[in-house]
């Protein structure tokens, strides 16, 4: 961080506004990432459920072949 003692009140206000704006942008990006993670979690859970069902059917078919 630079030395703020040499800054004018206008420069400090500009820095403050810039930092506040950047803070809001980064905060919004984090929220968007969280939403994306939640969406991906739902997709992954659905795929895992689908995979589990496929594996159950596979095992049933293999067992049926073995029994014949």
N, C-alpha and C. Protein backbone atom coordinates (compact mmCIF):
# COMPACT_ATOMS: atom_id res chain seq x y z
N UNK A 1 0.85 -1.18 0.00
CA UNK A 1 0.00 0.00 0.00
C UNK A 1 0.89 1.23 0.00
N UNK A 2 0.50 2.18 -0.76
CA UNK A 2 1.30 3.40 -0.85
C UNK A 2 1.05 4.31 0.36
N UNK A 3 1.92 5.27 0.51
CA UNK A 3 1.82 6.22 1.62
C UNK A 3 0.65 7.17 1.34
N UNK A 4 -0.36 7.11 2.21
CA UNK A 4 -1.56 7.92 2.00
C UNK A 4 -1.44 9.33 2.58
N UNK A 5 -0.43 9.56 3.35
CA UNK A 5 -0.27 10.87 3.99
C UNK A 5 -0.04 11.98 2.97
N UNK A 6 0.50 11.64 1.84
CA UNK A 6 0.79 12.64 0.82
C UNK A 6 -0.37 12.85 -0.15
N UNK A 7 -1.46 12.13 0.04
CA UNK A 7 -2.60 12.23 -0.87
C UNK A 7 -3.52 13.37 -0.45
N UNK A 8 -4.10 14.01 -1.45
CA UNK A 8 -5.08 15.06 -1.18
C UNK A 8 -6.41 14.39 -0.83
N UNK A 9 -7.33 15.13 -0.22
CA UNK A 9 -8.65 14.55 0.06
C UNK A 9 -9.36 14.06 -1.20
N UNK A 10 -9.18 14.74 -2.29
CA UNK A 10 -9.81 14.31 -3.54
C UNK A 10 -9.19 12.99 -4.01
N UNK A 11 -7.88 12.88 -3.92
CA UNK A 11 -7.22 11.63 -4.30
C UNK A 11 -7.66 10.48 -3.40
N UNK A 12 -7.77 10.76 -2.12
CA UNK A 12 -8.22 9.73 -1.18
C UNK A 12 -9.65 9.30 -1.50
N UNK A 13 -10.50 10.27 -1.80
CA UNK A 13 -11.89 9.94 -2.16
C UNK A 13 -11.95 9.10 -3.42
N UNK A 14 -11.12 9.44 -4.40
CA UNK A 14 -11.06 8.66 -5.66
C UNK A 14 -10.60 7.24 -5.37
N UNK A 15 -9.57 7.11 -4.55
CA UNK A 15 -9.08 5.77 -4.19
C UNK A 15 -10.17 4.99 -3.46
N UNK A 16 -10.84 5.66 -2.55
CA UNK A 16 -11.92 5.03 -1.79
C UNK A 16 -13.01 4.52 -2.73
N UNK A 17 -13.43 5.37 -3.66
CA UNK A 17 -14.48 4.99 -4.61
C UNK A 17 -14.03 3.82 -5.49
N UNK A 18 -12.79 3.86 -5.95
CA UNK A 18 -12.26 2.78 -6.79
C UNK A 18 -12.23 1.46 -6.02
N UNK A 19 -11.78 1.52 -4.78
CA UNK A 19 -11.71 0.31 -3.96
C UNK A 19 -13.10 -0.23 -3.68
N UNK A 20 -14.02 0.64 -3.36
CA UNK A 20 -15.40 0.22 -3.10
C UNK A 20 -16.01 -0.44 -4.33
N UNK A 21 -15.78 0.16 -5.50
CA UNK A 21 -16.30 -0.40 -6.75
C UNK A 21 -15.70 -1.78 -7.01
N UNK A 22 -14.39 -1.90 -6.85
CA UNK A 22 -13.72 -3.19 -7.08
C UNK A 22 -14.21 -4.24 -6.09
N UNK A 23 -14.43 -3.82 -4.86
CA UNK A 23 -14.95 -4.73 -3.83
C UNK A 23 -16.30 -5.29 -4.25
N UNK A 24 -17.18 -4.45 -4.73
CA UNK A 24 -18.51 -4.90 -5.16
C UNK A 24 -18.41 -5.85 -6.35
N UNK A 25 -17.50 -5.56 -7.27
CA UNK A 25 -17.32 -6.42 -8.45
C UNK A 25 -16.84 -7.81 -8.01
N UNK A 26 -15.83 -7.85 -7.15
CA UNK A 26 -15.29 -9.13 -6.70
C UNK A 26 -16.34 -9.89 -5.89
N UNK A 27 -17.09 -9.18 -5.06
CA UNK A 27 -18.14 -9.83 -4.27
C UNK A 27 -19.18 -10.47 -5.18
N UNK A 28 -19.57 -9.77 -6.23
CA UNK A 28 -20.53 -10.31 -7.19
C UNK A 28 -19.96 -11.52 -7.93
N UNK A 29 -18.69 -11.48 -8.27
CA UNK A 29 -18.04 -12.62 -8.92
C UNK A 29 -18.06 -13.84 -8.00
N UNK A 30 -17.83 -13.62 -6.72
CA UNK A 30 -17.85 -14.72 -5.76
C UNK A 30 -19.25 -15.31 -5.66
N UNK A 31 -20.26 -14.47 -5.62
CA UNK A 31 -21.65 -14.94 -5.58
C UNK A 31 -21.95 -15.76 -6.83
N UNK A 32 -21.52 -15.27 -7.99
CA UNK A 32 -21.76 -16.00 -9.24
C UNK A 32 -21.05 -17.35 -9.23
N UNK A 33 -19.84 -17.39 -8.70
CA UNK A 33 -19.11 -18.66 -8.60
C UNK A 33 -19.85 -19.63 -7.68
N UNK A 34 -20.38 -19.12 -6.60
CA UNK A 34 -21.12 -19.96 -5.67
C UNK A 34 -22.36 -20.55 -6.34
N UNK A 35 -23.06 -19.73 -7.11
CA UNK A 35 -24.23 -20.22 -7.84
C UNK A 35 -23.81 -21.30 -8.83
N UNK A 36 -22.71 -21.08 -9.52
CA UNK A 36 -22.21 -22.07 -10.48
C UNK A 36 -21.86 -23.37 -9.77
N UNK A 37 -21.22 -23.27 -8.62
CA UNK A 37 -20.88 -24.47 -7.84
C UNK A 37 -22.15 -25.22 -7.45
N UNK A 38 -23.16 -24.50 -6.99
CA UNK A 38 -24.42 -25.13 -6.61
C UNK A 38 -25.07 -25.84 -7.80
N UNK A 39 -25.06 -25.18 -8.95
CA UNK A 39 -25.62 -25.79 -10.16
C UNK A 39 -24.85 -27.04 -10.55
N UNK A 40 -23.52 -26.97 -10.49
CA UNK A 40 -22.70 -28.13 -10.84
C UNK A 40 -22.89 -29.27 -9.84
N UNK A 41 -23.10 -28.93 -8.58
CA UNK A 41 -23.35 -29.96 -7.57
C UNK A 41 -24.62 -30.73 -7.90
N UNK A 42 -25.66 -30.03 -8.31
CA UNK A 42 -26.91 -30.69 -8.69
C UNK A 42 -26.67 -31.60 -9.89
N UNK A 43 -25.97 -31.10 -10.88
CA UNK A 43 -25.68 -31.91 -12.08
C UNK A 43 -24.88 -33.15 -11.71
N UNK A 44 -23.83 -32.98 -10.89
CA UNK A 44 -23.01 -34.12 -10.48
C UNK A 44 -23.82 -35.14 -9.69
N UNK A 45 -24.65 -34.68 -8.78
CA UNK A 45 -25.47 -35.61 -8.00
C UNK A 45 -26.43 -36.38 -8.90
N UNK A 46 -27.01 -35.71 -9.89
CA UNK A 46 -27.89 -36.40 -10.84
C UNK A 46 -27.12 -37.44 -11.65
N UNK A 47 -25.92 -37.09 -12.08
CA UNK A 47 -25.10 -38.05 -12.84
C UNK A 47 -24.68 -39.23 -11.98
N UNK A 48 -24.37 -38.97 -10.71
CA UNK A 48 -24.01 -40.06 -9.80
C UNK A 48 -25.19 -40.99 -9.58
N UNK A 49 -26.38 -40.42 -9.45
CA UNK A 49 -27.58 -41.25 -9.29
C UNK A 49 -27.82 -42.08 -10.54
N UNK A 50 -27.63 -41.47 -11.69
CA UNK A 50 -27.79 -42.19 -12.96
C UNK A 50 -26.76 -43.31 -13.08
N UNK A 51 -25.52 -43.02 -12.73
CA UNK A 51 -24.46 -44.03 -12.78
C UNK A 51 -24.76 -45.19 -11.83
N UNK A 52 -25.25 -44.88 -10.64
CA UNK A 52 -25.61 -45.93 -9.68
C UNK A 52 -26.70 -46.83 -10.24
N UNK A 53 -27.70 -46.25 -10.88
CA UNK A 53 -28.78 -47.03 -11.48
C UNK A 53 -28.25 -47.90 -12.62
N UNK A 54 -27.36 -47.36 -13.43
CA UNK A 54 -26.77 -48.13 -14.53
C UNK A 54 -25.97 -49.31 -13.96
N UNK A 55 -25.20 -49.06 -12.91
CA UNK A 55 -24.40 -50.13 -12.30
C UNK A 55 -25.29 -51.22 -11.71
N UNK A 56 -26.40 -50.85 -11.09
CA UNK A 56 -27.34 -51.85 -10.55
C UNK A 56 -27.88 -52.73 -11.67
N UNK A 57 -28.27 -52.09 -12.77
CA UNK A 57 -28.80 -52.85 -13.91
C UNK A 57 -27.73 -53.76 -14.50
N UNK A 58 -26.51 -53.29 -14.55
CA UNK A 58 -25.40 -54.09 -15.06
C UNK A 58 -25.22 -55.34 -14.21
N UNK A 59 -25.21 -55.14 -12.90
CA UNK A 59 -25.03 -56.27 -11.99
C UNK A 59 -26.18 -57.27 -12.16
N UNK A 60 -27.41 -56.78 -12.26
CA UNK A 60 -28.55 -57.67 -12.44
C UNK A 60 -28.43 -58.48 -13.73
N UNK A 61 -27.99 -57.85 -14.80
CA UNK A 61 -27.85 -58.56 -16.07
C UNK A 61 -26.74 -59.60 -15.98
N UNK A 62 -25.61 -59.24 -15.38
CA UNK A 62 -24.50 -60.19 -15.23
C UNK A 62 -24.96 -61.37 -14.38
N UNK A 63 -25.68 -61.13 -13.30
CA UNK A 63 -26.19 -62.21 -12.46
C UNK A 63 -27.15 -63.11 -13.23
N UNK A 64 -27.97 -62.51 -14.06
CA UNK A 64 -28.93 -63.29 -14.86
C UNK A 64 -28.17 -64.17 -15.85
N UNK A 65 -27.13 -63.64 -16.49
CA UNK A 65 -26.31 -64.45 -17.38
C UNK A 65 -25.67 -65.60 -16.63
N UNK A 66 -25.17 -65.32 -15.45
CA UNK A 66 -24.51 -66.37 -14.64
C UNK A 66 -25.48 -67.46 -14.24
N UNK A 67 -26.73 -67.08 -13.99
CA UNK A 67 -27.73 -68.06 -13.58
C UNK A 67 -28.23 -68.91 -14.73
N UNK A 68 -28.04 -68.49 -15.94
CA UNK A 68 -28.55 -69.27 -17.08
C UNK A 68 -27.56 -70.27 -17.49
